């Protein structure tokens, strides 16, 4: 079985990246050789813990590590300052020092939350990311962005904290419910659309195998997405410019999530957001209409939405868009491609759009 392996350097920090069927065996082996700490705290949500968190914790303990498990209620509603404080209180009660490391086992919520705790505990301890959803494998687990949501918007509070390693074992995807599995393809399609037309073709051509969760194409998909995400993130680690290309579809997506009170999943929101923002790309950057049509076709082929849910008020969507972190000097900014697989040249891949332009694109993209 092919395993994807890569390493990214960030200052004095080295991030190991592994993807494939059974790479948790690699994690155990590499920890034995060069563990960042002997005391490990496995962080997982209430759904993932019995499936993957507890079994991994037992294997780590059998390998000689001092392991403690920390869990929290599953769901986006737990990605808050309150949950972070609860985890920190537990670490304090357990006398966790600077000589510990966190192991985040789960999806994007777990990775962001545990990563943020690791970033601030004693001003920074190592974190190992073990993504168990497709969405977190192809996107959220890499790049070092951590954070929590506020009532005002998503990911408004956080820190940049590169992981010690990312171990994406595609075998864990077999336990995902179908809707949770499919939504991960939104971020994979986004990655292909902004940076790799060949990967877009791969997603199209290998759709049946990917939808049937075959390990070989999943490993290739995760590996290629991880390479792109890692290279972009390391080139602009603190999100000063070029890294914003990874936010294609996300201005509208975050607005959809906020307007629906997170009733719309992140993957579905990103899919609809890309469809809307692709219309802006056609109008503003001259992106070929056929590229936008191909995007809609591939999203639909993976069972993802290509329109904003009809029940969301335009005023609520605009309010959400106004709180987006890419905005500058009171202007809405959207990351838009110029063609399939290609973003604008230069340091800033975003364009300023008026509320009227965004509203028009939203209205054209409603169910």
Protein backbone atom coordinates (compact mmCIF):
# COMPACT_ATOMS: atom_id res chain seq x y z
CA UNK A 1 0.00 0.00 0.00
CA UNK A 2 1.40 3.38 -1.04
CA UNK A 3 2.05 5.89 1.76
CA UNK A 4 2.45 9.61 1.14
CA UNK A 5 5.29 11.20 3.12
CA UNK A 6 6.37 14.82 3.33
CA UNK A 7 7.99 17.23 5.76
CA UNK A 8 7.66 21.00 6.06
CA UNK A 9 10.15 23.29 7.81
CA UNK A 10 8.91 26.32 9.75
CA UNK A 11 11.77 28.14 11.44
CA UNK A 12 13.18 25.63 13.91
CA UNK A 13 10.04 23.50 13.74
CA UNK A 14 9.68 20.48 11.46
CA UNK A 15 6.24 19.10 10.60
CA UNK A 16 6.03 15.48 9.47
CA UNK A 17 3.14 14.69 7.12
CA UNK A 18 1.97 11.12 6.49
CA UNK A 19 -1.09 9.81 4.65
CA UNK A 20 -2.16 6.27 3.85
CA UNK A 21 -3.89 3.14 5.07
CA UNK A 22 -2.34 2.23 8.42
CA UNK A 23 -0.10 5.27 8.98
CA UNK A 24 -0.96 5.29 12.69
CA UNK A 25 1.59 2.47 12.88
CA UNK A 26 4.09 4.99 11.53
CA UNK A 27 3.07 7.45 14.23
CA UNK A 28 3.83 4.92 16.95
CA UNK A 29 7.19 4.08 15.40
CA UNK A 30 8.24 7.68 14.90
CA UNK A 31 7.16 8.64 18.41
CA UNK A 32 9.32 5.85 19.82
CA UNK A 33 12.30 7.29 17.94
CA UNK A 34 11.78 11.02 18.44
CA UNK A 35 8.75 11.82 20.58
CA UNK A 36 8.35 15.52 21.45
CA UNK A 37 7.26 14.44 24.96
CA UNK A 38 6.73 11.30 27.04
CA UNK A 39 3.53 12.63 28.60
CA UNK A 40 0.73 12.76 26.05
CA UNK A 41 -2.82 14.09 26.30
CA UNK A 42 -5.16 12.59 23.71
CA UNK A 43 -7.91 15.10 22.90
CA UNK A 44 -11.02 13.87 21.11
CA UNK A 45 -14.74 14.54 20.94
CA UNK A 46 -17.46 12.30 22.34
CA UNK A 47 -18.18 10.68 18.96
CA UNK A 48 -14.64 10.02 17.81
CA UNK A 49 -13.11 9.03 21.14
CA UNK A 50 -14.56 5.49 21.37
CA UNK A 51 -13.85 4.84 17.67
CA UNK A 52 -10.30 6.18 17.34
CA UNK A 53 -9.18 8.21 20.36
CA UNK A 54 -9.36 5.46 22.96
CA UNK A 55 -7.77 2.75 20.75
CA UNK A 56 -4.88 5.08 19.88
CA UNK A 57 -4.45 6.07 23.55
CA UNK A 58 -4.21 2.39 24.51
CA UNK A 59 -1.59 1.74 21.85
CA UNK A 60 0.41 4.74 23.02
CA UNK A 61 0.22 3.55 26.62
CA UNK A 62 1.33 0.06 25.56
CA UNK A 63 4.32 1.72 23.86
CA UNK A 64 5.43 3.20 27.18
CA UNK A 65 3.95 6.71 27.07
CA UNK A 66 2.17 8.36 29.98
CA UNK A 67 -1.25 8.91 28.39
CA UNK A 68 -4.31 10.82 29.62
CA UNK A 69 -7.50 11.28 27.60
CA UNK A 70 -9.50 14.51 27.43
CA UNK A 71 -12.89 14.59 25.74
CA UNK A 72 -15.54 17.20 24.97
CA UNK A 73 -19.04 17.11 23.42
CA UNK A 74 -19.03 16.57 19.66
CA UNK A 75 -20.10 19.35 17.31
CA UNK A 76 -19.26 22.85 16.11
CA UNK A 77 -21.00 24.19 19.22
CA UNK A 78 -18.02 23.03 21.30
CA UNK A 79 -15.51 25.13 19.38
CA UNK A 80 -15.65 27.92 21.97
CA UNK A 81 -13.61 29.78 24.54
CA UNK A 82 -15.56 27.91 27.21
CA UNK A 83 -14.53 24.47 25.94
CA UNK A 84 -10.93 25.63 25.60
CA UNK A 85 -10.99 26.84 29.22
CA UNK A 86 -12.45 23.52 30.38
CA UNK A 87 -9.64 21.61 28.67
CA UNK A 88 -7.07 23.98 30.18
CA UNK A 89 -8.58 23.53 33.64
CA UNK A 90 -8.20 19.77 33.23
CA UNK A 91 -4.56 20.20 32.20
CA UNK A 92 -3.97 22.34 35.27
CA UNK A 93 -5.64 19.78 37.56
CA UNK A 94 -3.47 17.06 36.04
CA UNK A 95 -0.33 19.18 36.54
CA UNK A 96 0.56 19.21 32.86
CA UNK A 97 3.87 20.98 32.39
CA UNK A 98 5.83 22.22 29.42
CA UNK A 99 7.13 18.69 28.94
CA UNK A 100 3.82 17.39 27.58
CA UNK A 101 2.27 17.19 24.13
CA UNK A 102 -1.32 17.05 22.87
CA UNK A 103 -2.59 14.51 20.36
CA UNK A 104 -5.68 15.80 18.51
CA UNK A 105 -7.77 12.87 17.24
CA UNK A 106 -10.79 13.86 15.18
CA UNK A 107 -12.08 16.38 12.67
CA UNK A 108 -11.53 20.07 12.18
CA UNK A 109 -13.19 21.14 15.44
CA UNK A 110 -10.90 18.89 17.48
CA UNK A 111 -7.81 19.91 15.54
CA UNK A 112 -8.53 23.63 15.84
CA UNK A 113 -9.47 23.42 19.51
CA UNK A 114 -6.62 21.16 20.66
CA UNK A 115 -4.17 23.10 18.52
CA UNK A 116 -5.24 26.37 20.15
CA UNK A 117 -4.89 24.87 23.63
CA UNK A 118 -1.40 23.60 22.69
CA UNK A 119 -0.46 27.02 21.29
CA UNK A 120 -1.21 28.80 24.55
CA UNK A 121 -0.52 26.19 27.26
CA UNK A 122 2.71 27.35 28.92
CA UNK A 123 3.14 29.57 25.85
CA UNK A 124 3.25 26.59 23.54
CA UNK A 125 3.58 22.81 23.73
CA UNK A 126 3.72 20.37 20.78
CA UNK A 127 0.57 19.10 19.12
CA UNK A 128 0.22 16.04 16.91
CA UNK A 129 -2.70 16.10 14.50
CA UNK A 130 -4.50 12.81 13.77
CA UNK A 131 -7.34 13.80 11.41
CA UNK A 132 -10.19 11.30 11.13
CA UNK A 133 -12.41 13.13 8.61
CA UNK A 134 -11.69 13.73 4.95
CA UNK A 135 -12.24 17.45 5.45
CA UNK A 136 -9.57 17.65 8.14
CA UNK A 137 -7.17 15.42 6.19
CA UNK A 138 -7.18 17.51 3.03
CA UNK A 139 -7.31 20.90 4.71
CA UNK A 140 -7.86 21.68 8.39
CA UNK A 141 -5.07 19.61 9.97
CA UNK A 142 -2.27 21.34 8.04
CA UNK A 143 -0.93 24.87 8.11
CA UNK A 144 -0.92 25.63 11.82
CA UNK A 145 -4.12 27.69 12.00
CA UNK A 146 -5.95 27.04 15.27
CA UNK A 147 -8.86 28.77 16.92
CA UNK A 148 -12.36 28.95 18.29
CA UNK A 149 -15.57 30.61 17.20
CA UNK A 150 -17.21 33.62 18.79
CA UNK A 151 -20.87 34.56 18.60
CA UNK A 152 -19.79 37.29 16.15
CA UNK A 153 -18.17 34.92 13.65
CA UNK A 154 -16.03 31.89 12.94
CA UNK A 155 -12.37 31.47 13.94
CA UNK A 156 -12.07 35.04 15.20
CA UNK A 157 -9.91 33.97 18.15
CA UNK A 158 -6.88 31.78 17.57
CA UNK A 159 -3.16 31.39 17.01
CA UNK A 160 -0.71 30.03 14.47
CA UNK A 161 0.89 26.88 15.88
CA UNK A 162 2.50 24.36 13.54
CA UNK A 163 1.97 20.71 14.50
CA UNK A 164 4.83 18.32 15.27
CA UNK A 165 3.24 15.96 12.78
CA UNK A 166 0.08 15.18 10.81
CA UNK A 167 -0.89 11.51 10.44
CA UNK A 168 -3.86 10.96 8.13
CA UNK A 169 -4.82 7.29 8.29
CA UNK A 170 -7.44 6.80 5.57
CA UNK A 171 -8.64 3.66 7.37
CA UNK A 172 -10.36 5.93 9.90
CA UNK A 173 -12.63 7.25 7.15
CA UNK A 174 -14.50 3.94 7.05
CA UNK A 175 -16.33 4.88 10.24
CA UNK A 176 -17.63 8.24 8.98
CA UNK A 177 -21.33 8.69 8.26
CA UNK A 178 -21.96 9.25 4.56
CA UNK A 179 -22.88 12.94 4.84
CA UNK A 180 -19.77 13.67 6.94
CA UNK A 181 -17.57 11.80 4.49
CA UNK A 182 -18.94 13.52 1.38
CA UNK A 183 -18.61 17.05 2.75
CA UNK A 184 -14.84 16.62 2.85
CA UNK A 185 -14.74 16.62 -0.92
CA UNK A 186 -15.67 20.32 -0.90
CA UNK A 187 -12.24 21.27 0.46
CA UNK A 188 -10.53 18.79 -1.87
CA UNK A 189 -12.31 20.29 -4.89
CA UNK A 190 -11.42 23.78 -3.66
CA UNK A 191 -7.74 22.82 -3.43
CA UNK A 192 -7.77 21.44 -6.95
CA UNK A 193 -9.67 24.38 -8.40
CA UNK A 194 -7.27 27.00 -7.04
CA UNK A 195 -3.99 25.21 -7.66
CA UNK A 196 -4.02 21.99 -9.69
CA UNK A 197 -6.18 21.34 -12.74
CA UNK A 198 -4.72 17.81 -12.90
CA UNK A 199 -6.02 17.09 -9.42
CA UNK A 200 -9.42 18.40 -10.50
CA UNK A 201 -9.36 15.85 -13.36
CA UNK A 202 -8.30 13.16 -10.87
CA UNK A 203 -11.30 13.95 -8.67
CA UNK A 204 -13.52 13.69 -11.72
CA UNK A 205 -12.01 10.49 -13.08
CA UNK A 206 -11.67 8.64 -9.77
CA UNK A 207 -15.03 9.67 -8.38
CA UNK A 208 -16.47 6.17 -8.02
CA UNK A 209 -13.43 4.84 -6.18
CA UNK A 210 -13.27 7.87 -3.93
CA UNK A 211 -16.96 7.71 -3.10
CA UNK A 212 -16.53 4.01 -2.27
CA UNK A 213 -13.67 4.97 0.10
CA UNK A 214 -11.00 2.97 -1.70
CA UNK A 215 -7.67 3.42 0.13
CA UNK A 216 -5.43 3.92 -2.92
CA UNK A 217 -7.18 6.93 -4.50
CA UNK A 218 -7.90 8.35 -1.03
CA UNK A 219 -4.21 8.24 -0.18
CA UNK A 220 -3.32 10.01 -3.42
CA UNK A 221 -6.04 12.62 -2.90
CA UNK A 222 -5.04 13.32 0.70
CA UNK A 223 -1.35 13.45 -0.19
CA UNK A 224 -1.75 15.83 -3.14
CA UNK A 225 -4.03 18.14 -1.17
CA UNK A 226 -1.65 18.10 1.79
CA UNK A 227 1.29 19.01 -0.42
CA UNK A 228 -0.55 22.00 -1.90
CA UNK A 229 -1.89 23.19 1.46
CA UNK A 230 1.50 22.79 3.11
CA UNK A 231 3.43 24.62 0.41
CA UNK A 232 1.00 27.54 0.35
CA UNK A 233 0.84 27.75 4.15
CA UNK A 234 4.61 27.64 4.60
CA UNK A 235 5.09 30.35 1.96
CA UNK A 236 2.75 32.64 3.93
CA UNK A 237 2.58 31.14 7.39
CA UNK A 238 0.93 34.11 9.10
CA UNK A 239 -1.67 34.70 6.38
CA UNK A 240 -0.23 38.01 5.24
CA UNK A 241 -1.23 37.63 1.60
CA UNK A 242 -0.94 34.62 -0.70
CA UNK A 243 -2.35 32.14 1.81
CA UNK A 244 -5.74 33.81 1.34
CA UNK A 245 -6.05 31.79 -1.88
CA UNK A 246 -7.04 28.86 0.35
CA UNK A 247 -10.14 30.87 1.29
CA UNK A 248 -11.81 30.56 -2.11
CA UNK A 249 -15.50 30.03 -1.31
CA UNK A 250 -15.02 30.78 2.37
CA UNK A 251 -16.29 34.38 2.56
CA UNK A 252 -19.73 33.15 1.55
CA UNK A 253 -19.28 29.83 3.38
CA UNK A 254 -18.65 31.45 6.74
CA UNK A 255 -21.60 33.77 6.14
CA UNK A 256 -23.83 30.75 5.42
CA UNK A 257 -22.65 28.98 8.55
CA UNK A 258 -23.26 32.01 10.75
CA UNK A 259 -26.64 32.84 9.16
CA UNK A 260 -27.80 29.24 9.66
CA UNK A 261 -26.47 29.17 13.24
CA UNK A 262 -24.12 26.43 12.02
CA UNK A 263 -27.04 24.31 10.87
CA UNK A 264 -25.31 24.04 7.46
CA UNK A 265 -22.14 21.95 7.63
CA UNK A 266 -18.79 23.48 6.76
CA UNK A 267 -18.35 21.33 3.66
CA UNK A 268 -21.79 22.13 2.28
CA UNK A 269 -21.24 25.82 3.03
CA UNK A 270 -17.86 25.81 1.23
CA UNK A 271 -19.40 24.07 -1.80
CA UNK A 272 -22.19 26.65 -2.07
CA UNK A 273 -19.69 29.43 -1.34
CA UNK A 274 -17.42 28.36 -4.20
CA UNK A 275 -20.34 28.25 -6.61
CA UNK A 276 -21.30 31.81 -5.64
CA UNK A 277 -17.75 33.19 -5.64
CA UNK A 278 -17.04 31.53 -9.00
CA UNK A 279 -19.72 33.81 -10.45
CA UNK A 280 -17.80 36.78 -9.09
CA UNK A 281 -14.63 35.35 -10.65
CA UNK A 282 -16.34 35.16 -14.04
CA UNK A 283 -17.58 38.74 -13.74
CA UNK A 284 -14.47 40.32 -12.20
CA UNK A 285 -11.50 38.26 -13.42
CA UNK A 286 -12.85 36.99 -16.70
CA UNK A 287 -12.68 33.40 -15.52
CA UNK A 288 -14.12 31.24 -18.30
CA UNK A 289 -17.77 30.45 -17.77
CA UNK A 290 -17.06 26.82 -18.65
CA UNK A 291 -14.71 26.59 -15.65
CA UNK A 292 -17.52 27.71 -13.34
CA UNK A 293 -19.79 25.14 -14.98
CA UNK A 294 -17.20 22.39 -14.49
CA UNK A 295 -16.94 23.36 -10.84
CA UNK A 296 -20.72 23.12 -10.39
CA UNK A 297 -20.73 19.77 -12.18
CA UNK A 298 -18.02 18.23 -10.01
CA UNK A 299 -19.59 19.52 -6.79
CA UNK A 300 -22.95 18.06 -7.81
CA UNK A 301 -21.24 14.80 -8.75
CA UNK A 302 -20.09 14.44 -5.15
CA UNK A 303 -23.53 15.24 -3.82
CA UNK A 304 -22.60 18.73 -2.72
CA UNK A 305 -24.80 21.84 -3.05
CA UNK A 306 -24.17 24.48 -5.70
CA UNK A 307 -26.61 27.04 -4.30
CA UNK A 308 -27.19 28.95 -1.08
CA UNK A 309 -30.00 27.48 1.06
CA UNK A 310 -33.18 29.36 0.28
CA UNK A 311 -34.24 29.97 3.86
CA UNK A 312 -31.31 32.25 4.73
CA UNK A 313 -31.96 35.99 4.72
CA UNK A 314 -29.74 38.13 2.48
CA UNK A 315 -29.24 40.63 5.30
CA UNK A 316 -27.93 37.87 7.61
CA UNK A 317 -25.57 36.62 4.89
CA UNK A 318 -24.20 40.10 4.28
CA UNK A 319 -23.74 40.61 8.01
CA UNK A 320 -21.71 37.42 8.16
CA UNK A 321 -19.61 38.44 5.16
CA UNK A 322 -18.80 41.80 6.80
CA UNK A 323 -17.11 39.94 9.67
CA UNK A 324 -14.78 37.95 7.42
CA UNK A 325 -11.09 38.15 8.40
CA UNK A 326 -9.98 38.94 4.83
CA UNK A 327 -11.82 42.26 4.81
CA UNK A 328 -9.67 45.39 4.89
CA UNK A 329 -10.57 49.05 5.51
CA UNK A 330 -14.26 48.26 5.57
CA UNK A 331 -14.19 46.55 2.16
CA UNK A 332 -15.40 43.02 1.51
CA UNK A 333 -12.63 40.92 -0.05
CA UNK A 334 -13.07 37.62 -1.85
CA UNK A 335 -10.40 35.16 -3.05
CA UNK A 336 -11.27 34.37 -6.66
CA UNK A 337 -9.45 32.29 -9.31
CA UNK A 338 -8.71 33.51 -12.81
CA UNK A 339 -9.09 30.02 -14.28
CA UNK A 340 -9.40 26.43 -13.19
CA UNK A 341 -6.16 25.64 -11.34
CA UNK A 342 -4.87 29.21 -11.31
CA UNK A 343 -5.14 32.16 -8.93
CA UNK A 344 -4.16 35.77 -9.72
CA UNK A 345 -0.47 36.64 -9.88
CA UNK A 346 0.98 38.66 -7.03
CA UNK A 347 0.95 38.57 -3.27
CA UNK A 348 -2.77 39.20 -2.76
CA UNK A 349 -5.20 36.79 -4.45
CA UNK A 350 -8.28 38.65 -3.22
CA UNK A 351 -10.38 41.37 -4.84
CA UNK A 352 -12.59 43.98 -3.21
CA UNK A 353 -16.28 43.54 -3.96
CA UNK A 354 -19.19 45.77 -3.12
CA UNK A 355 -22.09 44.53 -1.07
CA UNK A 356 -24.22 44.94 -4.18
CA UNK A 357 -21.96 42.62 -6.20
CA UNK A 358 -21.98 40.02 -3.48
CA UNK A 359 -25.72 40.30 -3.02
CA UNK A 360 -26.28 39.86 -6.78
CA UNK A 361 -24.11 36.72 -6.80
CA UNK A 362 -25.94 35.38 -3.76
CA UNK A 363 -29.36 36.01 -5.31
CA UNK A 364 -28.37 34.22 -8.52
CA UNK A 365 -27.12 31.29 -6.46
CA UNK A 366 -30.20 30.55 -4.37
CA UNK A 367 -32.19 27.34 -4.21
